[in-house]
Amino acid sequence: MPATAGYQRMVEEGGSGEAGLAAGSNAGLATVRGIELTCDDRMRAQVIEKIMCSFGFDFLPLRAEFGEAAEAVIAEARALRAAIAMASVRPRRARSG
């Protein structure tokens, strides 16, 4: 049976059943249990999607959509970019001669 059929059956059964047990979880799907994503969850998901698809993301559209809440993610991105830049700088060894 295709994976999508098992997923569909799991949704129809309220998040339980064979598909859920085979996956090692009998708690069901988050969407069926009513777990809602926070603004931070949605924002980070968007950033991850942009990085995976476009290999980066723009700060301005993120600010436009999420307002001041985007500042924490932007600060993290800047810190990570600086750390990567520092890690890529290698000091030269002195030659003995």
N, C-alpha and C. Protein backbone atom coordinates (compact mmCIF):
# COMPACT_ATOMS: atom_id res chain seq x y z
N MET A 1 0.86 -1.18 0.00
CA MET A 1 0.00 0.00 0.00
C MET A 1 0.90 1.24 0.00
N PRO A 2 0.64 2.19 -0.87
CA PRO A 2 1.46 3.41 -0.88
C PRO A 2 1.40 4.15 0.45
N ALA A 3 2.47 4.86 0.75
CA ALA A 3 2.55 5.60 2.01
C ALA A 3 1.42 6.61 2.15
N THR A 4 1.03 7.22 1.04
CA THR A 4 -0.04 8.23 1.13
C THR A 4 -1.37 7.60 1.52
N ALA A 5 -1.60 6.36 1.09
CA ALA A 5 -2.84 5.68 1.48
C ALA A 5 -2.85 5.43 2.98
N GLY A 6 -1.72 5.02 3.53
CA GLY A 6 -1.62 4.81 4.97
C GLY A 6 -1.82 6.11 5.74
N TYR A 7 -1.25 7.18 5.22
CA TYR A 7 -1.42 8.49 5.84
C TYR A 7 -2.88 8.91 5.82
N GLN A 8 -3.53 8.75 4.67
CA GLN A 8 -4.94 9.12 4.54
C GLN A 8 -5.79 8.32 5.51
N ARG A 9 -5.53 7.02 5.62
CA ARG A 9 -6.29 6.18 6.54
C ARG A 9 -6.08 6.65 7.97
N MET A 10 -4.84 7.02 8.29
CA MET A 10 -4.53 7.49 9.64
C MET A 10 -5.32 8.77 9.96
N VAL A 11 -5.42 9.67 8.99
CA VAL A 11 -6.19 10.90 9.19
C VAL A 11 -7.66 10.57 9.40
N GLU A 12 -8.18 9.69 8.56
CA GLU A 12 -9.60 9.33 8.66
C GLU A 12 -9.92 8.62 9.97
N GLU A 13 -8.95 7.88 10.53
CA GLU A 13 -9.17 7.15 11.77
C GLU A 13 -8.87 8.00 13.00
N GLY A 14 -8.60 9.27 12.78
CA GLY A 14 -8.33 10.15 13.91
C GLY A 14 -6.91 10.08 14.40
N GLY A 15 -6.00 9.66 13.53
CA GLY A 15 -4.59 9.69 13.89
C GLY A 15 -4.08 8.43 14.52
N SER A 16 -4.83 7.34 14.46
CA SER A 16 -4.33 6.10 15.03
C SER A 16 -4.44 5.01 13.98
N GLY A 17 -4.32 3.78 14.37
CA GLY A 17 -4.45 2.67 13.43
C GLY A 17 -3.12 2.08 13.08
N GLU A 18 -3.13 1.19 12.09
CA GLU A 18 -1.93 0.47 11.69
C GLU A 18 -0.79 1.39 11.28
N ALA A 19 -1.10 2.41 10.51
CA ALA A 19 -0.04 3.31 10.03
C ALA A 19 0.66 3.99 11.20
N GLY A 20 -0.11 4.41 12.19
CA GLY A 20 0.49 5.04 13.36
C GLY A 20 1.31 4.08 14.19
N LEU A 21 0.83 2.88 14.34
CA LEU A 21 1.57 1.88 15.11
C LEU A 21 2.83 1.46 14.38
N ALA A 22 2.76 1.33 13.05
CA ALA A 22 3.93 0.94 12.28
C ALA A 22 5.02 2.01 12.37
N ALA A 23 4.61 3.25 12.51
CA ALA A 23 5.58 4.34 12.62
C ALA A 23 6.11 4.46 14.05
N GLY A 24 5.60 3.66 14.95
CA GLY A 24 6.09 3.69 16.32
C GLY A 24 5.38 4.68 17.22
N SER A 25 4.29 5.23 16.76
CA SER A 25 3.57 6.20 17.58
C SER A 25 2.09 5.89 17.54
N ASN A 26 1.49 5.81 18.69
CA ASN A 26 0.03 5.63 18.73
C ASN A 26 -0.66 6.90 19.19
N ALA A 27 0.11 8.00 19.26
CA ALA A 27 -0.46 9.27 19.71
C ALA A 27 -1.20 9.99 18.60
N GLY A 28 -0.96 9.60 17.35
CA GLY A 28 -1.67 10.23 16.25
C GLY A 28 -0.94 11.42 15.67
N LEU A 29 -1.53 11.98 14.66
CA LEU A 29 -0.96 13.12 13.96
C LEU A 29 -1.21 14.41 14.72
N ALA A 30 -0.25 15.32 14.64
CA ALA A 30 -0.39 16.60 15.33
C ALA A 30 -1.61 17.36 14.84
N THR A 31 -1.88 17.31 13.55
CA THR A 31 -3.03 18.04 13.02
C THR A 31 -4.34 17.46 13.50
N VAL A 32 -4.37 16.17 13.71
CA VAL A 32 -5.58 15.53 14.21
C VAL A 32 -5.75 15.83 15.69
N ARG A 33 -4.64 15.88 16.43
CA ARG A 33 -4.71 16.16 17.86
C ARG A 33 -5.01 17.63 18.14
N GLY A 34 -4.92 18.47 17.12
CA GLY A 34 -5.25 19.88 17.31
C GLY A 34 -4.08 20.72 17.76
N ILE A 35 -2.85 20.30 17.50
CA ILE A 35 -1.67 21.10 17.85
C ILE A 35 -1.51 22.19 16.81
N GLU A 36 -1.50 23.41 17.26
CA GLU A 36 -1.42 24.55 16.35
C GLU A 36 -0.01 25.11 16.33
N LEU A 37 0.46 25.49 15.14
CA LEU A 37 1.77 26.10 15.01
C LEU A 37 1.72 27.53 15.54
N THR A 38 2.78 27.92 16.23
CA THR A 38 2.89 29.30 16.70
C THR A 38 3.40 30.18 15.56
N CYS A 39 3.37 31.47 15.76
CA CYS A 39 3.92 32.41 14.78
C CYS A 39 5.40 32.09 14.56
N ASP A 40 6.13 31.81 15.63
CA ASP A 40 7.54 31.47 15.53
C ASP A 40 7.74 30.19 14.71
N ASP A 41 6.89 29.19 14.93
CA ASP A 41 6.97 27.94 14.16
C ASP A 41 6.79 28.22 12.66
N ARG A 42 5.78 29.00 12.32
CA ARG A 42 5.50 29.30 10.92
C ARG A 42 6.64 30.10 10.28
N MET A 43 7.18 31.05 11.05
CA MET A 43 8.26 31.88 10.54
C MET A 43 9.51 31.03 10.28
N ARG A 44 9.88 30.20 11.24
CA ARG A 44 11.06 29.35 11.08
C ARG A 44 10.85 28.33 9.96
N ALA A 45 9.65 27.81 9.81
CA ALA A 45 9.36 26.88 8.72
C ALA A 45 9.55 27.58 7.38
N GLN A 46 9.12 28.82 7.27
CA GLN A 46 9.29 29.58 6.03
C GLN A 46 10.76 29.81 5.73
N VAL A 47 11.53 30.16 6.76
CA VAL A 47 12.97 30.38 6.57
C VAL A 47 13.65 29.09 6.13
N ILE A 48 13.33 27.98 6.78
CA ILE A 48 13.93 26.69 6.42
C ILE A 48 13.58 26.34 4.97
N GLU A 49 12.33 26.55 4.58
CA GLU A 49 11.92 26.28 3.20
C GLU A 49 12.71 27.12 2.21
N LYS A 50 12.87 28.41 2.51
CA LYS A 50 13.63 29.30 1.62
C LYS A 50 15.08 28.87 1.51
N ILE A 51 15.69 28.51 2.64
CA ILE A 51 17.09 28.07 2.63
C ILE A 51 17.24 26.79 1.82
N MET A 52 16.32 25.86 2.01
CA MET A 52 16.40 24.59 1.29
C MET A 52 16.16 24.75 -0.21
N CYS A 53 15.26 25.63 -0.59
CA CYS A 53 14.91 25.79 -2.01
C CYS A 53 15.76 26.83 -2.72
N SER A 54 16.13 27.90 -2.03
CA SER A 54 16.84 29.02 -2.67
C SER A 54 18.23 29.25 -2.11
N PHE A 55 18.63 28.44 -1.14
CA PHE A 55 19.95 28.54 -0.51
C PHE A 55 20.16 29.87 0.21
N GLY A 56 19.10 30.45 0.70
CA GLY A 56 19.18 31.69 1.46
C GLY A 56 17.79 32.29 1.62
N PHE A 57 17.71 33.37 2.37
CA PHE A 57 16.42 34.06 2.52
C PHE A 57 16.67 35.54 2.72
N ASP A 58 15.70 36.33 2.33
CA ASP A 58 15.78 37.79 2.45
C ASP A 58 15.13 38.24 3.75
N PHE A 59 15.77 39.20 4.39
CA PHE A 59 15.25 39.71 5.65
C PHE A 59 13.99 40.55 5.46
N LEU A 60 13.94 41.36 4.40
CA LEU A 60 12.83 42.29 4.22
C LEU A 60 11.47 41.61 4.10
N PRO A 61 11.32 40.58 3.26
CA PRO A 61 10.01 39.92 3.20
C PRO A 61 9.63 39.27 4.53
N LEU A 62 10.63 38.76 5.25
CA LEU A 62 10.35 38.16 6.56
C LEU A 62 9.82 39.22 7.53
N ARG A 63 10.48 40.39 7.53
CA ARG A 63 10.01 41.50 8.37
C ARG A 63 8.61 41.96 7.97
N ALA A 64 8.38 42.02 6.65
CA ALA A 64 7.08 42.48 6.16
C ALA A 64 5.96 41.55 6.61
N GLU A 65 6.23 40.25 6.61
CA GLU A 65 5.18 39.30 6.97
C GLU A 65 5.03 39.11 8.48
N PHE A 66 6.15 39.10 9.21
CA PHE A 66 6.08 38.75 10.64
C PHE A 66 6.39 39.92 11.57
N GLY A 67 6.73 41.07 11.01
CA GLY A 67 6.96 42.25 11.84
C GLY A 67 8.15 42.09 12.77
N GLU A 68 7.98 42.63 13.96
CA GLU A 68 9.06 42.64 14.94
C GLU A 68 9.46 41.24 15.40
N ALA A 69 8.56 40.29 15.28
CA ALA A 69 8.87 38.91 15.66
C ALA A 69 10.00 38.34 14.82
N ALA A 70 10.21 38.88 13.62
CA ALA A 70 11.26 38.39 12.73
C ALA A 70 12.65 38.77 13.21
N GLU A 71 12.76 39.77 14.06
CA GLU A 71 14.08 40.27 14.47
C GLU A 71 14.93 39.21 15.17
N ALA A 72 14.31 38.35 15.96
CA ALA A 72 15.09 37.31 16.65
C ALA A 72 15.69 36.33 15.65
N VAL A 73 14.92 35.94 14.65
CA VAL A 73 15.41 35.00 13.64
C VAL A 73 16.49 35.67 12.79
N ILE A 74 16.29 36.93 12.46
CA ILE A 74 17.28 37.67 11.66
C ILE A 74 18.58 37.80 12.44
N ALA A 75 18.50 38.09 13.73
CA ALA A 75 19.70 38.18 14.56
C ALA A 75 20.43 36.83 14.61
N GLU A 76 19.69 35.74 14.72
CA GLU A 76 20.29 34.41 14.72
C GLU A 76 20.98 34.13 13.39
N ALA A 77 20.34 34.54 12.28
CA ALA A 77 20.91 34.31 10.95
C ALA A 77 22.20 35.11 10.78
N ARG A 78 22.20 36.34 11.26
CA ARG A 78 23.42 37.16 11.17
C ARG A 78 24.55 36.57 12.01
N ALA A 79 24.24 36.11 13.20
CA ALA A 79 25.26 35.50 14.06
C ALA A 79 25.81 34.23 13.42
N LEU A 80 24.94 33.44 12.84
CA LEU A 80 25.38 32.20 12.18
C LEU A 80 26.25 32.52 10.97
N ARG A 81 25.85 33.52 10.19
CA ARG A 81 26.66 33.93 9.02
C ARG A 81 28.04 34.40 9.46
N ALA A 82 28.11 35.17 10.55
CA ALA A 82 29.40 35.64 11.05
C ALA A 82 30.26 34.47 11.55
N ALA A 83 29.64 33.51 12.22
CA ALA A 83 30.39 32.35 12.71
C ALA A 83 30.93 31.52 11.56
N ILE A 84 30.15 31.37 10.51
CA ILE A 84 30.60 30.62 9.33
C ILE A 84 31.76 31.35 8.66
N ALA A 85 31.65 32.67 8.56
CA ALA A 85 32.72 33.46 7.95
C ALA A 85 34.01 33.35 8.76
N MET A 86 33.90 33.37 10.08
CA MET A 86 35.08 33.25 10.93
C MET A 86 35.71 31.86 10.81
N ALA A 87 34.88 30.85 10.70
CA ALA A 87 35.38 29.48 10.60
C ALA A 87 36.08 29.23 9.27
N SER A 88 35.71 29.98 8.25
CA SER A 88 36.31 29.76 6.94
C SER A 88 37.63 30.49 6.76
N VAL A 89 37.98 31.39 7.69
CA VAL A 89 39.25 32.10 7.64
C VAL A 89 40.28 31.25 8.36
N ARG A 90 41.30 30.85 7.62
CA ARG A 90 42.34 30.01 8.21
C ARG A 90 43.66 30.81 8.28
N PRO A 91 44.25 30.84 9.44
CA PRO A 91 45.53 31.55 9.53
C PRO A 91 46.61 30.76 8.77
N ARG A 92 47.53 31.51 8.17
CA ARG A 92 48.63 30.86 7.46
C ARG A 92 49.70 30.43 8.44
N ARG A 93 50.29 29.30 8.15
CA ARG A 93 51.38 28.81 8.99
C ARG A 93 52.68 29.48 8.56
N ALA A 94 53.47 29.75 9.52
CA ALA A 94 54.80 30.32 9.22
C ALA A 94 55.67 29.21 8.65
N ARG A 95 56.37 29.54 7.59
CA ARG A 95 57.26 28.55 6.99
C ARG A 95 58.63 28.62 7.65
N SER A 96 59.14 27.46 7.90
CA SER A 96 60.51 27.44 8.44
C SER A 96 61.47 27.21 7.29
N GLY A 97 62.54 27.88 7.34
CA GLY A 97 63.28 27.73 6.20
C GLY A 97 64.63 27.80 5.96
